[in-house]
Amino acid sequence: MKSKTEQEYSGEYARRVNLAYEILRSPFRRASYLMELHGLTPAPENQTIDDPAFLMSVMELRERIQDTDDRAELHELLIEQQAEQDALLDRFGRALDEEDWDTAKDCGTRLRYVQRVIN
């Protein structure tokens, strides 16, 4: 049987592993974590984007996903959403590599919008 100290130690590390898993599983949370590692503050939840074309495309995609009953079409729409997310993650990674903090923060905010499409 484990001592109380060993149980506390195990519990703490299990909590840390679970938190790391949750961060890595979510592209937005992963981007926020990476920004924090670079000393950046991720945009607050209520911050909006001043890009009407981007916002419209996200809203249209969300509506198309909600309105379809066709599994094949839904699959294609989710692939489209994933491609948008992947492009943002690539752009985010390049911005971090180049220390372009404004672009990194913008990509992080856009990721939040894109990720909400399927959540």
PDB file of N, CA and C in Angstrom:
ATOM      1  N   MET A   1       0.839  -1.176   0.000  1.00  0.00           N
ATOM      2  CA  MET A   1       0.000   0.000   0.000  1.00  0.00           C
ATOM      3  C   MET A   1       0.890   1.247   0.000  1.00  0.00           C
ATOM      4  N   LYS A   2       0.489   2.238  -0.767  1.00  0.00           N
ATOM      5  CA  LYS A   2       1.276   3.462  -0.882  1.00  0.00           C
ATOM      6  C   LYS A   2       1.090   4.336   0.354  1.00  0.00           C
ATOM      7  N   SER A   3       2.179   5.046   0.669  1.00  0.00           N
ATOM      8  CA  SER A   3       2.081   6.000   1.776  1.00  0.00           C
ATOM      9  C   SER A   3       1.239   7.194   1.347  1.00  0.00           C
ATOM     10  N   LYS A   4       0.833   7.997   2.304  1.00  0.00           N
ATOM     11  CA  LYS A   4       0.035   9.192   1.997  1.00  0.00           C
ATOM     12  C   LYS A   4       0.800  10.125   1.062  1.00  0.00           C
ATOM     13  N   THR A   5       2.098  10.274   1.274  1.00  0.00           N
ATOM     14  CA  THR A   5       2.917  11.138   0.430  1.00  0.00           C
ATOM     15  C   THR A   5       2.963  10.599  -0.997  1.00  0.00           C
ATOM     16  N   GLU A   6       3.130   9.293  -1.146  1.00  0.00           N
ATOM     17  CA  GLU A   6       3.148   8.692  -2.480  1.00  0.00           C
ATOM     18  C   GLU A   6       1.807   8.858  -3.183  1.00  0.00           C
ATOM     19  N   GLN A   7       0.706   8.713  -2.441  1.00  0.00           N
ATOM     20  CA  GLN A   7      -0.619   8.893  -3.022  1.00  0.00           C
ATOM     21  C   GLN A   7      -0.825  10.333  -3.481  1.00  0.00           C
ATOM     22  N   GLU A   8      -0.392  11.297  -2.664  1.00  0.00           N
ATOM     23  CA  GLU A   8      -0.512  12.705  -3.038  1.00  0.00           C
ATOM     24  C   GLU A   8       0.335  12.998  -4.268  1.00  0.00           C
ATOM     25  N   TYR A   9       1.547  12.458  -4.286  1.00  0.00           N
ATOM     26  CA  TYR A   9       2.453  12.640  -5.416  1.00  0.00           C
ATOM     27  C   TYR A   9       1.832  12.048  -6.686  1.00  0.00           C
ATOM     28  N   SER A  10       1.323  10.827  -6.594  1.00  0.00           N
ATOM     29  CA  SER A  10       0.686  10.177  -7.741  1.00  0.00           C
ATOM     30  C   SER A  10      -0.532  10.954  -8.211  1.00  0.00           C
ATOM     31  N   GLY A  11      -1.331  11.409  -7.273  1.00  0.00           N
ATOM     32  CA  GLY A  11      -2.526  12.177  -7.612  1.00  0.00           C
ATOM     33  C   GLY A  11      -2.180  13.473  -8.325  1.00  0.00           C
ATOM     34  N   GLU A  12      -1.154  14.156  -7.845  1.00  0.00           N
ATOM     35  CA  GLU A  12      -0.736  15.420  -8.460  1.00  0.00           C
ATOM     36  C   GLU A  12      -0.233  15.190  -9.883  1.00  0.00           C
ATOM     37  N   TYR A  13       0.555  14.155 -10.098  1.00  0.00           N
ATOM     38  CA  TYR A  13       1.067  13.895 -11.435  1.00  0.00           C
ATOM     39  C   TYR A  13      -0.024  13.391 -12.374  1.00  0.00           C
ATOM     40  N   ALA A  14      -0.986  12.658 -11.855  1.00  0.00           N
ATOM     41  CA  ALA A  14      -2.121  12.240 -12.682  1.00  0.00           C
ATOM     42  C   ALA A  14      -2.917  13.471 -13.119  1.00  0.00           C
ATOM     43  N   ARG A  15      -3.095  14.433 -12.220  1.00  0.00           N
ATOM     44  CA  ARG A  15      -3.799  15.672 -12.545  1.00  0.00           C
ATOM     45  C   ARG A  15      -3.048  16.440 -13.625  1.00  0.00           C
ATOM     46  N   ARG A  16      -1.731  16.509 -13.507  1.00  0.00           N
ATOM     47  CA  ARG A  16      -0.912  17.209 -14.503  1.00  0.00           C
ATOM     48  C   ARG A  16      -0.976  16.533 -15.873  1.00  0.00           C
ATOM     49  N   VAL A  17      -0.944  15.220 -15.897  1.00  0.00           N
ATOM     50  CA  VAL A  17      -1.026  14.481 -17.165  1.00  0.00           C
ATOM     51  C   VAL A  17      -2.386  14.728 -17.813  1.00  0.00           C
ATOM     52  N   ASN A  18      -3.447  14.695 -17.018  1.00  0.00           N
ATOM     53  CA  ASN A  18      -4.789  14.942 -17.560  1.00  0.00           C
ATOM     54  C   ASN A  18      -4.912  16.356 -18.112  1.00  0.00           C
ATOM     55  N   LEU A  19      -4.355  17.340 -17.416  1.00  0.00           N
ATOM     56  CA  LEU A  19      -4.387  18.728 -17.891  1.00  0.00           C
ATOM     57  C   LEU A  19      -3.602  18.852 -19.197  1.00  0.00           C
ATOM     58  N   ALA A  20      -2.422  18.248 -19.240  1.00  0.00           N
ATOM     59  CA  ALA A  20      -1.612  18.296 -20.468  1.00  0.00           C
ATOM     60  C   ALA A  20      -2.366  17.667 -21.630  1.00  0.00           C
ATOM     61  N   TYR A  21      -3.044  16.560 -21.385  1.00  0.00           N
ATOM     62  CA  TYR A  21      -3.815  15.899 -22.431  1.00  0.00           C
ATOM     63  C   TYR A  21      -4.910  16.826 -22.952  1.00  0.00           C
ATOM     64  N   GLU A  22      -5.629  17.485 -22.050  1.00  0.00           N
ATOM     65  CA  GLU A  22      -6.700  18.398 -22.455  1.00  0.00           C
ATOM     66  C   GLU A  22      -6.151  19.576 -23.268  1.00  0.00           C
ATOM     67  N   ILE A  23      -4.997  20.082 -22.886  1.00  0.00           N
ATOM     68  CA  ILE A  23      -4.383  21.197 -23.615  1.00  0.00           C
ATOM     69  C   ILE A  23      -3.954  20.744 -25.006  1.00  0.00           C
ATOM     70  N   LEU A  24      -3.318  19.597 -25.099  1.00  0.00           N
ATOM     71  CA  LEU A  24      -2.836  19.102 -26.386  1.00  0.00           C
ATOM     72  C   LEU A  24      -3.980  18.699 -27.310  1.00  0.00           C
ATOM     73  N   ARG A  25      -5.094  18.271 -26.756  1.00  0.00           N
ATOM     74  CA  ARG A  25      -6.237  17.821 -27.553  1.00  0.00           C
ATOM     75  C   ARG A  25      -6.956  18.965 -28.257  1.00  0.00           C
ATOM     76  N   SER A  26      -6.899  20.147 -27.686  1.00  0.00           N
ATOM     77  CA  SER A  26      -7.608  21.299 -28.237  1.00  0.00           C
ATOM     78  C   SER A  26      -6.637  22.237 -28.942  1.00  0.00           C
ATOM     79  N   PRO A  27      -6.788  22.444 -30.247  1.00  0.00           N
ATOM     80  CA  PRO A  27      -5.880  23.354 -30.953  1.00  0.00           C
ATOM     81  C   PRO A  27      -5.861  24.762 -30.355  1.00  0.00           C
ATOM     82  N   PHE A  28      -7.012  25.263 -29.952  1.00  0.00           N
ATOM     83  CA  PHE A  28      -7.050  26.601 -29.360  1.00  0.00           C
ATOM     84  C   PHE A  28      -6.305  26.627 -28.029  1.00  0.00           C
ATOM     85  N   ARG A  29      -6.545  25.648 -27.170  1.00  0.00           N
ATOM     86  CA  ARG A  29      -5.853  25.615 -25.872  1.00  0.00           C
ATOM     87  C   ARG A  29      -4.364  25.404 -26.059  1.00  0.00           C
ATOM     88  N   ARG A  30      -3.994  24.583 -27.045  1.00  0.00           N
ATOM     89  CA  ARG A  30      -2.574  24.349 -27.341  1.00  0.00           C
ATOM     90  C   ARG A  30      -1.915  25.654 -27.788  1.00  0.00           C
ATOM     91  N   ALA A  31      -2.593  26.410 -28.668  1.00  0.00           N
ATOM     92  CA  ALA A  31      -2.057  27.693 -29.126  1.00  0.00           C
ATOM     93  C   ALA A  31      -1.943  28.672 -27.969  1.00  0.00           C
ATOM     94  N   SER A  32      -2.953  28.714 -27.111  1.00  0.00           N
ATOM     95  CA  SER A  32      -2.918  29.618 -25.945  1.00  0.00           C
ATOM     96  C   SER A  32      -1.751  29.269 -25.039  1.00  0.00           C
ATOM     97  N   TYR A  33      -1.533  27.987 -24.814  1.00  0.00           N
ATOM     98  CA  TYR A  33      -0.423  27.546 -23.966  1.00  0.00           C
ATOM     99  C   TYR A  33       0.923  27.953 -24.566  1.00  0.00           C
ATOM    100  N   LEU A  34       1.067  27.747 -25.875  1.00  0.00           N
ATOM    101  CA  LEU A  34       2.324  28.136 -26.524  1.00  0.00           C
ATOM    102  C   LEU A  34       2.547  29.642 -26.451  1.00  0.00           C
ATOM    103  N   MET A  35       1.473  30.418 -26.602  1.00  0.00           N
ATOM    104  CA  MET A  35       1.613  31.877 -26.469  1.00  0.00           C
ATOM    105  C   MET A  35       2.078  32.238 -25.066  1.00  0.00           C
ATOM    106  N   GLU A  36       1.496  31.591 -24.058  1.00  0.00           N
ATOM    107  CA  GLU A  36       1.901  31.865 -22.680  1.00  0.00           C
ATOM    108  C   GLU A  36       3.367  31.521 -22.453  1.00  0.00           C
ATOM    109  N   LEU A  37       3.838  30.432 -23.061  1.00  0.00           N
ATOM    110  CA  LEU A  37       5.252  30.064 -22.939  1.00  0.00           C
ATOM    111  C   LEU A  37       6.168  31.143 -23.517  1.00  0.00           C
ATOM    112  N   HIS A  38       5.658  31.878 -24.510  1.00  0.00           N
ATOM    113  CA  HIS A  38       6.435  32.954 -25.133  1.00  0.00           C
ATOM    114  C   HIS A  38       6.159  34.312 -24.485  1.00  0.00           C
ATOM    115  N   GLY A  39       5.464  34.290 -23.356  1.00  0.00           N
ATOM    116  CA  GLY A  39       5.206  35.534 -22.630  1.00  0.00           C
ATOM    117  C   GLY A  39       4.052  36.355 -23.177  1.00  0.00           C
ATOM    118  N   LEU A  40       3.235  35.761 -24.055  1.00  0.00           N
ATOM    119  CA  LEU A  40       2.094  36.475 -24.626  1.00  0.00           C
ATOM    120  C   LEU A  40       0.836  36.151 -23.829  1.00  0.00           C
ATOM    121  N   THR A  41      -0.058  37.088 -23.798  1.00  0.00           N
ATOM    122  CA  THR A  41      -1.354  36.867 -23.173  1.00  0.00           C
ATOM    123  C   THR A  41      -2.357  36.571 -24.277  1.00  0.00           C
ATOM    124  N   PRO A  42      -2.948  35.375 -24.264  1.00  0.00           N
ATOM    125  CA  PRO A  42      -3.954  35.070 -25.291  1.00  0.00           C
ATOM    126  C   PRO A  42      -5.118  36.055 -25.210  1.00  0.00           C
ATOM    127  N   ALA A  43      -5.766  36.260 -26.323  1.00  0.00           N
ATOM    128  CA  ALA A  43      -6.901  37.180 -26.372  1.00  0.00           C
ATOM    129  C   ALA A  43      -8.006  36.687 -25.445  1.00  0.00           C
ATOM    130  N   PRO A  44      -8.664  37.599 -24.756  1.00  0.00           N
ATOM    131  CA  PRO A  44      -9.759  37.188 -23.874  1.00  0.00           C
ATOM    132  C   PRO A  44     -10.914  36.579 -24.675  1.00  0.00           C
ATOM    133  N   GLU A  45     -11.721  35.763 -24.011  1.00  0.00           N
ATOM    134  CA  GLU A  45     -12.849  35.077 -24.651  1.00  0.00           C
ATOM    135  C   GLU A  45     -13.768  36.027 -25.403  1.00  0.00           C
ATOM    136  N   ASN A  46     -13.959  37.214 -24.864  1.00  0.00           N
ATOM    137  CA  ASN A  46     -14.930  38.141 -25.450  1.00  0.00           C
ATOM    138  C   ASN A  46     -14.335  39.026 -26.547  1.00  0.00           C
ATOM    139  N   GLN A  47     -13.068  38.832 -26.876  1.00  0.00           N
ATOM    140  CA  GLN A  47     -12.456  39.643 -27.934  1.00  0.00           C
ATOM    141  C   GLN A  47     -12.966  39.179 -29.287  1.00  0.00           C
ATOM    142  N   THR A  48     -13.357  40.138 -30.095  1.00  0.00           N
ATOM    143  CA  THR A  48     -13.849  39.809 -31.432  1.00  0.00           C
ATOM    144  C   THR A  48     -12.762  40.082 -32.467  1.00  0.00           C
ATOM    145  N   ILE A  49     -13.036  39.674 -33.684  1.00  0.00           N
ATOM    146  CA  ILE A  49     -12.104  39.864 -34.795  1.00  0.00           C
ATOM    147  C   ILE A  49     -12.697  40.897 -35.733  1.00  0.00           C
ATOM    148  N   ASP A  50     -11.865  41.822 -36.153  1.00  0.00           N
ATOM    149  CA  ASP A  50     -12.318  42.855 -37.077  1.00  0.00           C
ATOM    150  C   ASP A  50     -12.020  42.413 -38.510  1.00  0.00           C
ATOM    151  N   ASP A  51     -12.657  41.331 -38.902  1.00  0.00           N
ATOM    152  CA  ASP A  51     -12.508  40.784 -40.250  1.00  0.00           C
ATOM    153  C   ASP A  51     -13.862  40.210 -40.656  1.00  0.00           C
ATOM    154  N   PRO A  52     -14.737  41.060 -41.201  1.00  0.00           N
ATOM    155  CA  PRO A  52     -16.093  40.605 -41.540  1.00  0.00           C
ATOM    156  C   PRO A  52     -16.119  39.388 -42.471  1.00  0.00           C
ATOM    157  N   ALA A  53     -15.191  39.300 -43.415  1.00  0.00           N
ATOM    158  CA  ALA A  53     -15.178  38.164 -44.348  1.00  0.00           C
ATOM    159  C   ALA A  53     -14.899  36.857 -43.592  1.00  0.00           C
ATOM    160  N   PHE A  54     -13.939  36.877 -42.676  1.00  0.00           N
ATOM    161  CA  PHE A  54     -13.636  35.681 -41.884  1.00  0.00           C
ATOM    162  C   PHE A  54     -14.836  35.299 -41.025  1.00  0.00           C
ATOM    163  N   LEU A  55     -15.408  36.273 -40.329  1.00  0.00           N
ATOM    164  CA  LEU A  55     -16.561  35.998 -39.467  1.00  0.00           C
ATOM    165  C   LEU A  55     -17.732  35.439 -40.272  1.00  0.00           C
ATOM    166  N   MET A  56     -17.958  35.989 -41.449  1.00  0.00           N
ATOM    167  CA  MET A  56     -19.050  35.501 -42.297  1.00  0.00           C
ATOM    168  C   MET A  56     -18.784  34.063 -42.737  1.00  0.00           C
ATOM    169  N   SER A  57     -17.534  33.758 -43.098  1.00  0.00           N
ATOM    170  CA  SER A  57     -17.233  32.392 -43.543  1.00  0.00           C
ATOM    171  C   SER A  57     -17.435  31.390 -42.411  1.00  0.00           C
ATOM    172  N   VAL A  58     -17.069  31.775 -41.196  1.00  0.00           N
ATOM    173  CA  VAL A  58     -17.261  30.889 -40.043  1.00  0.00           C
ATOM    174  C   VAL A  58     -18.755  30.689 -39.774  1.00  0.00           C
ATOM    175  N   MET A  59     -19.518  31.780 -39.818  1.00  0.00           N
ATOM    176  CA  MET A  59     -20.961  31.675 -39.587  1.00  0.00           C
ATOM    177  C   MET A  59     -21.630  30.823 -40.666  1.00  0.00           C
ATOM    178  N   GLU A  60     -21.243  31.016 -41.908  1.00  0.00           N
ATOM    179  CA  GLU A  60     -21.823  30.224 -42.994  1.00  0.00           C
ATOM    180  C   GLU A  60     -21.502  28.746 -42.852  1.00  0.00           C
ATOM    181  N   LEU A  61     -20.274  28.448 -42.497  1.00  0.00           N
ATOM    182  CA  LEU A  61     -19.889  27.052 -42.309  1.00  0.00           C
ATOM    183  C   LEU A  61     -20.686  26.431 -41.166  1.00  0.00           C
ATOM    184  N   ARG A  62     -20.814  27.151 -40.078  1.00  0.00           N
ATOM    185  CA  ARG A  62     -21.590  26.654 -38.936  1.00  0.00           C
ATOM    186  C   ARG A  62     -23.036  26.385 -39.347  1.00  0.00           C
ATOM    187  N   GLU A  63     -23.637  27.309 -40.080  1.00  0.00           N
ATOM    188  CA  GLU A  63     -25.027  27.138 -40.519  1.00  0.00           C
ATOM    189  C   GLU A  63     -25.167  25.946 -41.460  1.00  0.00           C
ATOM    190  N   ARG A  64     -24.207  25.795 -42.370  1.00  0.00           N
ATOM    191  CA  ARG A  64     -24.267  24.667 -43.301  1.00  0.00           C
ATOM    192  C   ARG A  64     -24.164  23.339 -42.556  1.00  0.00           C
ATOM    193  N   ILE A  65     -23.315  23.290 -41.535  1.00  0.00           N
ATOM    194  CA  ILE A  65     -23.175  22.074 -40.723  1.00  0.00           C
ATOM    195  C   ILE A  65     -24.472  21.788 -39.979  1.00  0.00           C
ATOM    196  N   GLN A  66     -25.066  22.820 -39.387  1.00  0.00           N
ATOM    197  CA  GLN A  66     -26.304  22.639 -38.627  1.00  0.00           C
ATOM    198  C   GLN A  66     -27.484  22.264 -39.518  1.00  0.00           C
ATOM    199  N   ASP A  67     -27.497  22.752 -40.746  1.00  0.00           N
ATOM    200  CA  ASP A  67     -28.645  22.561 -41.630  1.00  0.00           C
ATOM    201  C   ASP A  67     -28.618  21.258 -42.422  1.00  0.00           C
ATOM    202  N   THR A  68     -27.497  20.580 -42.456  1.00  0.00           N
ATOM    203  CA  THR A  68     -27.431  19.384 -43.302  1.00  0.00           C
ATOM    204  C   THR A  68     -27.883  18.133 -42.552  1.00  0.00           C
ATOM    205  N   ASP A  69     -28.558  17.267 -43.279  1.00  0.00           N
ATOM    206  CA  ASP A  69     -28.932  15.951 -42.769  1.00  0.00           C
ATOM    207  C   ASP A  69     -28.171  14.862 -43.526  1.00  0.00           C
ATOM    208  N   ASP A  70     -27.394  15.269 -44.498  1.00  0.00           N
ATOM    209  CA  ASP A  70     -26.655  14.352 -45.357  1.00  0.00           C
ATOM    210  C   ASP A  70     -25.286  14.069 -44.733  1.00  0.00           C
ATOM    211  N   ARG A  71     -25.039  12.813 -44.384  1.00  0.00           N
ATOM    212  CA  ARG A  71     -23.779  12.440 -43.729  1.00  0.00           C
ATOM    213  C   ARG A  71     -22.561  12.744 -44.602  1.00  0.00           C
ATOM    214  N   ALA A  72     -22.669  12.511 -45.891  1.00  0.00           N
ATOM    215  CA  ALA A  72     -21.544  12.767 -46.798  1.00  0.00           C
ATOM    216  C   ALA A  72     -21.234  14.261 -46.847  1.00  0.00           C
ATOM    217  N   GLU A  73     -22.292  15.075 -46.917  1.00  0.00           N
ATOM    218  CA  GLU A  73     -22.079  16.523 -46.928  1.00  0.00           C
ATOM    219  C   GLU A  73     -21.487  16.998 -45.607  1.00  0.00           C
ATOM    220  N   LEU A  74     -21.982  16.446 -44.499  1.00  0.00           N
ATOM    221  CA  LEU A  74     -21.443  16.798 -43.191  1.00  0.00           C
ATOM    222  C   LEU A  74     -19.966  16.450 -43.112  1.00  0.00           C
ATOM    223  N   HIS A  75     -19.620  15.291 -43.624  1.00  0.00           N
ATOM    224  CA  HIS A  75     -18.218  14.871 -43.641  1.00  0.00           C
ATOM    225  C   HIS A  75     -17.367  15.874 -44.427  1.00  0.00           C
ATOM    226  N   GLU A  76     -17.840  16.293 -45.577  1.00  0.00           N
ATOM    227  CA  GLU A  76     -17.112  17.266 -46.405  1.00  0.00           C
ATOM    228  C   GLU A  76     -16.980  18.615 -45.685  1.00  0.00           C
ATOM    229  N   LEU A  77     -18.035  19.033 -45.001  1.00  0.00           N
ATOM    230  CA  LEU A  77     -17.995  20.305 -44.269  1.00  0.00           C
ATOM    231  C   LEU A  77     -16.998  20.238 -43.114  1.00  0.00           C
ATOM    232  N   LEU A  78     -16.955  19.105 -42.448  1.00  0.00           N
ATOM    233  CA  LEU A  78     -15.994  18.947 -41.354  1.00  0.00           C
ATOM    234  C   LEU A  78     -14.563  18.900 -41.878  1.00  0.00           C
ATOM    235  N   ILE A  79     -14.369  18.329 -43.052  1.00  0.00           N
ATOM    236  CA  ILE A  79     -13.043  18.350 -43.687  1.00  0.00           C
ATOM    237  C   ILE A  79     -12.663  19.793 -44.009  1.00  0.00           C
ATOM    238  N   GLU A  80     -13.617  20.565 -44.492  1.00  0.00           N
ATOM    239  CA  GLU A  80     -13.372  21.985 -44.785  1.00  0.00           C
ATOM    240  C   GLU A  80     -12.976  22.736 -43.507  1.00  0.00           C
ATOM    241  N   GLN A  81     -13.693  22.466 -42.429  1.00  0.00           N
ATOM    242  CA  GLN A  81     -13.379  23.112 -41.146  1.00  0.00           C
ATOM    243  C   GLN A  81     -11.990  22.698 -40.683  1.00  0.00           C
ATOM    244  N   GLN A  82     -11.649  21.430 -40.834  1.00  0.00           N
ATOM    245  CA  GLN A  82     -10.336  20.932 -40.416  1.00  0.00           C
ATOM    246  C   GLN A  82      -9.222  21.577 -41.244  1.00  0.00           C
ATOM    247  N   ALA A  83      -9.466  21.764 -42.530  1.00  0.00           N
ATOM    248  CA  ALA A  83      -8.468  22.411 -43.392  1.00  0.00           C
ATOM    249  C   ALA A  83      -8.237  23.854 -42.951  1.00  0.00           C
ATOM    250  N   GLU A  84      -9.302  24.558 -42.603  1.00  0.00           N
ATOM    251  CA  GLU A  84      -9.178  25.933 -42.107  1.00  0.00           C
ATOM    252  C   GLU A  84      -8.372  25.953 -40.813  1.00  0.00           C
ATOM    253  N   GLN A  85      -8.682  25.025 -39.932  1.00  0.00           N
ATOM    254  CA  GLN A  85      -7.958  24.932 -38.661  1.00  0.00           C
ATOM    255  C   GLN A  85      -6.486  24.612 -38.890  1.00  0.00           C
ATOM    256  N   ASP A  86      -6.202  23.668 -39.765  1.00  0.00           N
ATOM    257  CA  ASP A  86      -4.813  23.298 -40.064  1.00  0.00           C
ATOM    258  C   ASP A  86      -4.031  24.476 -40.651  1.00  0.00           C
ATOM    259  N   ALA A  87      -4.678  25.238 -41.533  1.00  0.00           N
ATOM    260  CA  ALA A  87      -4.019  26.411 -42.120  1.00  0.00           C
ATOM    261  C   ALA A  87      -3.696  27.442 -41.045  1.00  0.00           C
ATOM    262  N   LEU A  88      -4.624  27.631 -40.126  1.00  0.00           N
ATOM    263  CA  LEU A  88      -4.373  28.581 -39.030  1.00  0.00           C
ATOM    264  C   LEU A  88      -3.245  28.095 -38.127  1.00  0.00           C
ATOM    265  N   LEU A  89      -3.214  26.783 -37.857  1.00  0.00           N
ATOM    266  CA  LEU A  89      -2.141  26.237 -37.018  1.00  0.00           C
ATOM    267  C   LEU A  89      -0.783  26.387 -37.694  1.00  0.00           C
ATOM    268  N   ASP A  90      -0.727  26.188 -39.003  1.00  0.00           N
ATOM    269  CA  ASP A  90       0.529  26.387 -39.740  1.00  0.00           C
ATOM    270  C   ASP A  90       0.970  27.843 -39.659  1.00  0.00           C
ATOM    271  N   ARG A  91       0.036  28.738 -39.901  1.00  0.00           N
ATOM    272  CA  ARG A  91       0.337  30.174 -39.845  1.00  0.00           C
ATOM    273  C   ARG A  91       0.767  30.581 -38.429  1.00  0.00           C
ATOM    274  N   PHE A  92       0.110  30.018 -37.433  1.00  0.00           N
ATOM    275  CA  PHE A  92       0.456  30.280 -36.037  1.00  0.00           C
ATOM    276  C   PHE A  92       1.882  29.816 -35.742  1.00  0.00           C
ATOM    277  N   GLY A  93       2.221  28.604 -36.196  1.00  0.00           N
ATOM    278  CA  GLY A  93       3.565  28.076 -35.966  1.00  0.00           C
ATOM    279  C   GLY A  93       4.639  28.924 -36.617  1.00  0.00           C
ATOM    280  N   ARG A  94       4.384  29.358 -37.847  1.00  0.00           N
ATOM    281  CA  ARG A  94       5.350  30.240 -38.525  1.00  0.00           C
ATOM    282  C   ARG A  94       5.494  31.560 -37.778  1.00  0.00           C
ATOM    283  N   ALA A  95       4.372  32.101 -37.296  1.00  0.00           N
ATOM    284  CA  ALA A  95       4.421  33.373 -36.568  1.00  0.00           C
ATOM    285  C   ALA A  95       5.249  33.227 -35.296  1.00  0.00           C
ATOM    286  N   LEU A  96       5.096  32.108 -34.587  1.00  0.00           N
ATOM    287  CA  LEU A  96       5.919  31.894 -33.387  1.00  0.00           C
ATOM    288  C   LEU A  96       7.387  31.786 -33.758  1.00  0.00           C
ATOM    289  N   ASP A  97       7.688  31.020 -34.816  1.00  0.00           N
ATOM    290  CA  ASP A  97       9.080  30.852 -35.252  1.00  0.00           C
ATOM    291  C   ASP A  97       9.712  32.192 -35.610  1.00  0.00           C
ATOM    292  N   GLU A  98       8.914  33.069 -36.227  1.00  0.00           N
ATOM    293  CA  GLU A  98       9.416  34.371 -36.674  1.00  0.00           C
ATOM    294  C   GLU A  98       9.251  35.462 -35.612  1.00  0.00           C
ATOM    295  N   GLU A  99       8.729  35.065 -34.452  1.00  0.00           N
ATOM    296  CA  GLU A  99       8.466  36.006 -33.353  1.00  0.00           C
ATOM    297  C   GLU A  99       7.554  37.146 -33.796  1.00  0.00           C
ATOM    298  N   ASP A 100       6.601  36.816 -34.625  1.00  0.00           N
ATOM    299  CA  ASP A 100       5.573  37.755 -35.081  1.00  0.00           C
ATOM    300  C   ASP A 100       4.380  37.605 -34.134  1.00  0.00           C
ATOM    301  N   TRP A 101       4.484  38.266 -32.991  1.00  0.00           N
ATOM    302  CA  TRP A 101       3.532  38.065 -31.902  1.00  0.00           C
ATOM    303  C   TRP A 101       2.112  38.517 -32.259  1.00  0.00           C
ATOM    304  N   ASP A 102       1.970  39.583 -33.021  1.00  0.00           N
ATOM    305  CA  ASP A 102       0.632  40.046 -33.399  1.00  0.00           C
ATOM    306  C   ASP A 102      -0.084  39.003 -34.258  1.00  0.00           C
ATOM    307  N   THR A 103       0.634  38.426 -35.216  1.00  0.00           N
ATOM    308  CA  THR A 103       0.039  37.393 -36.062  1.00  0.00           C
ATOM    309  C   THR A 103      -0.277  36.156 -35.235  1.00  0.00           C
ATOM    310  N   ALA A 104       0.594  35.786 -34.320  1.00  0.00           N
ATOM    311  CA  ALA A 104       0.346  34.617 -33.462  1.00  0.00           C
ATOM    312  C   ALA A 104      -0.928  34.812 -32.652  1.00  0.00           C
ATOM    313  N   LYS A 105      -1.080  35.990 -32.064  1.00  0.00           N
ATOM    314  CA  LYS A 105      -2.291  36.256 -31.270  1.00  0.00           C
ATOM    315  C   LYS A 105      -3.534  36.252 -32.153  1.00  0.00           C
ATOM    316  N   ASP A 106      -3.429  36.820 -33.340  1.00  0.00           N
ATOM    317  CA  ASP A 106      -4.567  36.834 -34.264  1.00  0.00           C
ATOM    318  C   ASP A 106      -4.952  35.407 -34.653  1.00  0.00           C
ATOM    319  N   CYS A 107      -3.971  34.585 -34.958  1.00  0.00           N
ATOM    320  CA  CYS A 107      -4.260  33.191 -35.317  1.00  0.00           C
ATOM    321  C   CYS A 107      -4.900  32.450 -34.141  1.00  0.00           C
ATOM    322  N   GLY A 108      -4.424  32.706 -32.946  1.00  0.00           N
ATOM    323  CA  GLY A 108      -5.006  32.076 -31.761  1.00  0.00           C
ATOM    324  C   GLY A 108      -6.473  32.440 -31.601  1.00  0.00           C
ATOM    325  N   THR A 109      -6.792  33.699 -31.816  1.00  0.00           N
ATOM    326  CA  THR A 109      -8.184  34.141 -31.713  1.00  0.00           C
ATOM    327  C   THR A 109      -9.024  33.500 -32.813  1.00  0.00           C
ATOM    328  N   ARG A 110      -8.499  33.454 -34.021  1.00  0.00           N
ATOM    329  CA  ARG A 110      -9.230  32.839 -35.131  1.00  0.00           C
ATOM    330  C   ARG A 110      -9.445  31.345 -34.882  1.00  0.00           C
ATOM    331  N   LEU A 111      -8.465  30.683 -34.276  1.00  0.00           N
ATOM    332  CA  LEU A 111      -8.622  29.268 -33.951  1.00  0.00           C
ATOM    333  C   LEU A 111      -9.820  29.040 -33.035  1.00  0.00           C
ATOM    334  N   ARG A 112     -10.003  29.951 -32.095  1.00  0.00           N
ATOM    335  CA  ARG A 112     -11.138  29.825 -31.175  1.00  0.00           C
ATOM    336  C   ARG A 112     -12.446  29.829 -31.965  1.00  0.00           C
ATOM    337  N   TYR A 113     -12.554  30.724 -32.935  1.00  0.00           N
ATOM    338  CA  TYR A 113     -13.776  30.803 -33.749  1.00  0.00           C
ATOM    339  C   TYR A 113     -13.971  29.533 -34.584  1.00  0.00           C
ATOM    340  N   VAL A 114     -12.912  29.087 -35.231  1.00  0.00           N
ATOM    341  CA  VAL A 114     -13.009  27.905 -36.097  1.00  0.00           C
ATOM    342  C   VAL A 114     -13.334  26.658 -35.271  1.00  0.00           C
ATOM    343  N   GLN A 115     -12.721  26.540 -34.116  1.00  0.00           N
ATOM    344  CA  GLN A 115     -12.935  25.365 -33.272  1.00  0.00           C
ATOM    345  C   GLN A 115     -14.380  25.320 -32.760  1.00  0.00           C
ATOM    346  N   ARG A 116     -14.976  26.462 -32.532  1.00  0.00           N
ATOM    347  CA  ARG A 116     -16.360  26.503 -32.053  1.00  0.00           C
ATOM    348  C   ARG A 116     -17.363  25.994 -33.086  1.00  0.00           C
ATOM    349  N   VAL A 117     -16.971  25.964 -34.326  1.00  0.00           N
ATOM    350  CA  VAL A 117     -17.881  25.509 -35.385  1.00  0.00           C
ATOM    351  C   VAL A 117     -18.379  24.095 -35.088  1.00  0.00           C
ATOM    352  N   ILE A 118     -17.503  23.225 -34.639  1.00  0.00           N
ATOM    353  CA  ILE A 118     -17.923  21.841 -34.411  1.00  0.00           C
ATOM    354  C   ILE A 118     -18.229  21.546 -32.954  1.00  0.00           C
ATOM    355  N   ASN A 119     -18.020  22.486 -32.084  1.00  0.00           N
ATOM    356  CA  ASN A 119     -18.315  22.250 -30.653  1.00  0.00           C
ATOM    357  C   ASN A 119     -19.684  22.728 -30.284  1.00  0.00           C
TER     358      ASN A 119
END
